[in-house]
Protein backbone atom coordinates (compact mmCIF):
# COMPACT_ATOMS: atom_id res chain seq x y z
CA MET A 1 -49.89 14.95 -108.91
CA SER A 2 -51.11 12.07 -111.08
CA LYS A 3 -50.36 8.54 -110.03
CA LYS A 4 -48.55 7.88 -113.31
CA GLY A 5 -46.43 10.98 -112.73
CA LEU A 6 -45.04 10.01 -109.32
CA ILE A 7 -41.78 8.75 -110.82
CA THR A 8 -40.83 11.01 -113.72
CA PRO A 9 -37.84 11.46 -116.05
CA GLN A 10 -36.83 14.30 -113.72
CA PHE A 11 -36.53 11.75 -110.89
CA TYR A 12 -33.93 9.79 -112.83
CA ARG A 13 -32.25 12.92 -114.19
CA PHE A 14 -31.61 14.34 -110.74
CA ILE A 15 -30.11 11.12 -109.39
CA LYS A 16 -27.80 10.99 -112.43
CA GLU A 17 -26.69 14.51 -111.53
CA VAL A 18 -26.03 13.34 -107.98
CA ALA A 19 -23.81 10.57 -109.37
CA ALA A 20 -21.71 13.21 -111.12
CA ASN A 21 -21.71 15.59 -108.13
CA ASN A 22 -21.83 13.39 -105.06
CA ASN A 23 -20.84 15.95 -102.46
CA ARG A 24 -22.64 17.93 -99.80
CA GLU A 25 -21.86 21.35 -101.25
CA TRP A 26 -23.51 20.60 -104.60
CA PHE A 27 -26.45 18.85 -102.97
CA LYS A 28 -27.13 21.78 -100.66
CA LEU A 29 -27.44 24.08 -103.67
CA HIS A 30 -29.87 21.68 -105.35
CA LYS A 31 -31.83 20.35 -102.38
CA ASP A 32 -35.02 22.06 -103.53
CA VAL A 33 -34.84 20.11 -106.80
CA TYR A 34 -34.26 16.89 -104.86
CA GLU A 35 -37.35 17.53 -102.75
CA LYS A 36 -39.54 18.45 -105.72
CA ASP A 37 -38.44 15.75 -108.19
CA VAL A 38 -37.30 12.89 -105.93
CA PHE A 39 -38.21 13.03 -102.26
CA TYR A 40 -41.86 14.10 -102.32
CA PRO A 41 -42.86 11.98 -105.34
CA PHE A 42 -41.26 8.90 -103.77
CA LYS A 43 -42.86 9.67 -100.41
CA GLU A 44 -46.28 9.83 -102.08
CA LEU A 45 -45.58 6.54 -103.86
CA ILE A 46 -44.73 4.88 -100.54
CA CYS A 47 -47.93 6.20 -98.98
CA GLN A 48 -50.01 4.84 -101.85
CA VAL A 49 -48.33 1.43 -101.61
CA ILE A 50 -48.96 1.33 -97.85
CA ASP A 51 -52.64 2.18 -98.38
CA LEU A 52 -53.01 -0.65 -100.90
CA MET A 53 -51.10 -3.11 -98.73
CA GLN A 54 -53.30 -2.32 -95.74
CA GLN A 55 -56.30 -3.44 -97.79
CA ILE A 56 -54.61 -6.82 -98.17
CA ASP A 57 -53.20 -7.04 -94.64
CA PRO A 58 -54.81 -4.65 -92.10
CA ALA A 59 -52.03 -5.54 -89.63
CA ILE A 60 -49.69 -3.34 -91.68
CA GLN A 61 -49.81 -0.16 -89.62
CA ILE A 62 -46.76 1.84 -90.62
CA ASP A 63 -46.08 5.27 -92.09
CA TYR A 64 -43.72 6.21 -94.88
CA LYS A 65 -40.87 6.96 -92.45
CA GLN A 66 -40.94 3.37 -91.24
CA ALA A 67 -40.84 2.08 -94.81
CA ALA A 68 -38.37 4.42 -96.53
CA PHE A 69 -34.62 3.96 -96.65
CA ARG A 70 -32.58 7.14 -96.28
CA PHE A 71 -31.08 8.76 -99.36
CA TYR A 72 -28.12 9.75 -97.18
CA ARG A 73 -25.42 7.11 -96.89
CA ASP A 74 -23.87 6.00 -93.62
CA THR A 75 -20.19 6.38 -94.47
CA ARG A 76 -18.71 5.73 -91.02
CA PHE A 77 -17.44 2.23 -91.85
CA SER A 78 -17.17 2.52 -95.62
CA LYS A 79 -14.19 3.32 -97.84
CA ASP A 80 -16.64 5.05 -100.17
CA LYS A 81 -17.34 8.40 -98.52
CA SER A 82 -19.91 9.54 -101.11
CA PRO A 83 -22.68 11.03 -98.97
CA TYR A 84 -25.67 10.12 -101.15
CA LYS A 85 -27.15 6.95 -102.57
CA LEU A 86 -28.02 6.67 -106.24
CA TRP A 87 -31.45 5.17 -105.68
CA MET A 88 -34.59 5.48 -103.59
CA GLY A 89 -35.93 2.41 -101.83
CA ALA A 90 -38.66 1.30 -99.44
CA ALA A 91 -39.86 -1.88 -97.76
CA VAL A 92 -43.53 -2.25 -96.86
CA SER A 93 -44.44 -4.92 -94.33
CA ARG A 94 -45.88 -5.16 -90.83
CA ASN A 95 -42.50 -3.98 -89.53
CA GLY A 96 -41.51 -1.68 -92.40
CA ARG A 97 -37.88 -1.60 -93.44
CA LYS A 98 -36.80 -3.24 -90.14
CA ASN A 99 -38.75 -6.37 -90.96
CA THR A 100 -37.23 -9.72 -89.96
CA ARG A 101 -40.24 -12.05 -89.90
CA TYR A 102 -43.21 -11.04 -92.09
CA PRO A 103 -43.78 -11.10 -95.87
CA GLU A 104 -42.83 -7.82 -97.49
CA ILE A 105 -42.61 -5.92 -100.74
CA TYR A 106 -39.46 -3.96 -101.49
CA PHE A 107 -39.01 -1.52 -104.36
CA GLN A 108 -35.94 0.39 -105.45
CA PHE A 109 -35.63 2.84 -108.32
CA GLY A 110 -32.63 4.66 -109.75
CA PRO A 111 -30.85 5.17 -113.07
CA GLY A 112 -28.59 2.16 -112.54
CA GLU A 113 -31.04 -0.39 -111.18
CA ASN A 114 -34.80 -0.74 -110.82
CA PHE A 115 -36.39 -3.72 -109.15
CA ILE A 116 -39.27 -5.00 -107.06
CA ALA A 117 -38.74 -7.85 -104.61
CA GLY A 118 -40.99 -9.99 -102.45
CA GLY A 119 -40.69 -12.66 -99.78
CA LEU A 120 -38.50 -12.33 -96.70
CA TYR A 121 -35.00 -10.95 -97.18
CA ARG A 122 -33.60 -10.72 -93.62
CA PRO A 123 -35.18 -13.26 -91.26
CA ASP A 124 -33.73 -13.09 -87.77
CA LYS A 125 -32.22 -16.17 -86.13
CA ASP A 126 -35.39 -17.23 -84.30
CA THR A 127 -37.60 -16.68 -87.35
CA LEU A 128 -35.24 -18.69 -89.54
CA TYR A 129 -35.36 -21.57 -87.08
CA ILE A 130 -39.18 -21.52 -87.10
CA ILE A 131 -39.25 -21.41 -90.90
CA ARG A 132 -36.88 -24.36 -91.21
CA GLU A 133 -38.82 -26.28 -88.58
CA LYS A 134 -42.02 -25.89 -90.59
CA ILE A 135 -40.31 -26.77 -93.87
CA ALA A 136 -38.86 -29.92 -92.32
CA LYS A 137 -42.32 -31.08 -91.22
CA ASN A 138 -43.68 -30.85 -94.77
CA PRO A 139 -40.98 -30.10 -97.36
CA GLU A 140 -43.27 -31.11 -100.24
CA GLU A 141 -45.68 -28.32 -99.29
CA PHE A 142 -42.92 -25.73 -99.41
CA GLU A 143 -41.49 -27.14 -102.62
CA ALA A 144 -44.90 -26.65 -104.22
CA ILE A 145 -44.82 -22.99 -103.17
CA LEU A 146 -41.41 -22.57 -104.79
CA HIS A 147 -42.93 -23.78 -108.06
CA ASP A 148 -46.22 -21.90 -107.78
CA LYS A 149 -47.22 -20.73 -111.27
CA ARG A 150 -48.44 -17.33 -110.11
CA ILE A 151 -45.16 -16.60 -108.34
CA LEU A 152 -43.06 -17.75 -111.28
CA LYS A 153 -45.12 -15.72 -113.75
CA GLN A 154 -44.35 -12.54 -111.81
CA PHE A 155 -40.82 -13.60 -110.79
CA PRO A 156 -39.49 -15.88 -113.56
CA ASP A 157 -36.18 -16.45 -111.76
CA GLY A 158 -37.99 -17.90 -108.75
CA PHE A 159 -36.80 -17.78 -105.16
CA LYS A 160 -33.31 -16.69 -104.22
CA GLY A 161 -31.28 -16.54 -101.02
CA GLU A 162 -27.89 -17.25 -99.51
CA ARG A 163 -27.45 -20.68 -97.96
CA ASN A 164 -25.79 -22.17 -94.91
CA LYS A 165 -23.46 -25.11 -95.36
CA ARG A 166 -24.55 -26.67 -92.08
CA LEU A 167 -27.81 -26.74 -90.15
CA PRO A 168 -28.27 -26.80 -86.36
CA VAL A 169 -30.44 -29.94 -86.38
CA LYS A 170 -28.94 -33.23 -87.59
CA GLN A 171 -32.19 -34.43 -89.16
CA TRP A 172 -32.44 -31.20 -91.13
CA GLN A 173 -28.95 -31.71 -92.51
CA GLU A 174 -29.98 -35.10 -93.87
CA LEU A 175 -33.25 -33.73 -95.24
CA ALA A 176 -31.38 -30.91 -97.00
CA LYS A 177 -29.71 -33.47 -99.26
CA THR A 178 -33.12 -33.98 -100.87
CA TYR A 179 -34.53 -30.51 -100.22
CA PRO A 180 -31.58 -28.09 -100.46
CA PHE A 181 -33.83 -25.04 -99.99
CA LEU A 182 -33.82 -25.98 -96.29
CA LEU A 183 -30.32 -24.47 -96.23
CA ASN A 184 -31.60 -21.06 -97.29
CA LYS A 185 -30.93 -18.11 -94.99
CA GLN A 186 -33.20 -15.92 -97.14
CA PHE A 187 -36.39 -16.51 -99.08
CA TYR A 188 -36.95 -13.74 -101.58
CA THR A 189 -37.87 -13.11 -105.20
CA ILE A 190 -36.77 -10.22 -107.41
CA ARG A 191 -37.78 -8.75 -110.76
CA TYR A 192 -35.67 -6.13 -112.58
CA TYR A 193 -37.09 -3.41 -114.81
CA THR A 194 -35.79 -0.64 -117.03
CA PRO A 195 -36.48 2.99 -116.16
CA ASP A 196 -38.86 3.18 -119.14
CA GLU A 197 -40.89 0.25 -117.82
CA ILE A 198 -41.29 2.07 -114.51
CA LEU A 199 -42.11 5.40 -116.15
CA ASN A 200 -44.75 3.84 -118.39
CA GLN A 201 -46.89 2.35 -115.62
CA ASP A 202 -50.38 3.87 -115.48
CA ASN A 203 -50.46 3.33 -111.72
CA LEU A 204 -47.07 2.51 -110.26
CA ALA A 205 -48.36 1.77 -106.74
CA VAL A 206 -50.81 -0.82 -108.08
CA PHE A 207 -48.04 -2.29 -110.25
CA ILE A 208 -45.79 -2.69 -107.19
CA VAL A 209 -48.48 -4.28 -105.04
CA ARG A 210 -49.32 -6.82 -107.76
CA HIS A 211 -45.89 -8.31 -107.07
CA TYR A 212 -46.88 -8.85 -103.44
CA GLN A 213 -50.20 -10.36 -104.49
CA ALA A 214 -48.40 -12.79 -106.78
CA MET A 215 -46.57 -14.05 -103.68
CA GLN A 216 -49.86 -14.95 -101.96
CA LYS A 217 -49.07 -18.62 -101.34
CA PHE A 218 -45.72 -17.84 -99.75
CA ASN A 219 -47.16 -14.89 -97.80
CA GLU A 220 -49.96 -17.00 -96.33
CA TRP A 221 -47.54 -19.81 -95.51
CA LEU A 222 -45.23 -17.42 -93.68
CA LEU A 223 -48.00 -15.60 -91.80
CA ALA A 224 -49.38 -18.95 -90.63
CA LEU A 225 -46.23 -19.30 -88.50
CA TYR A 226 -47.58 -16.60 -86.21
């Protein structure tokens, strides 16, 4: 299978068919098509991304199962009982999809939405405290990262993330009046693409990893915490 052919029109076509037939009976009859056109191509893409990421950070020692999100939805606590997602997604980092502290690259492809994201999407409580502590010591350094030209070239919308209204340290609350990014609970970037832009990549794995490489200043800053 060629690298350009990992994600094909058939990939998108099948997921569109799932959207119109989102039930277990239909899926069971078409599972072989899912495996051929969706599962195995996406698995190979994940493996290629992991291989490339390990060249950048040898501490990334995960397999595709640790990176991939399940196509099957957990409907136990959802009003929507549709059993299948309408996208395929994966997060590559030192801790795979369960990452809460290291820089990562996340990619998600489907007919309705295609994007690649970098940064740190779900820091745990302790990690967030450490991040804010470091920002507070040198907010100008972090502000410079937020405006890094290489990051903004790849992610024109810059950093995103939900924010707290209050901070646990009084001095931080005062500092946040000047540096509001101290309130962030997340520190991530995201770039949306059309299906055609994904299909037309000569090497999709390399294209994905370039987004991580563009985040170098943030990645190094975050890894320096540990």
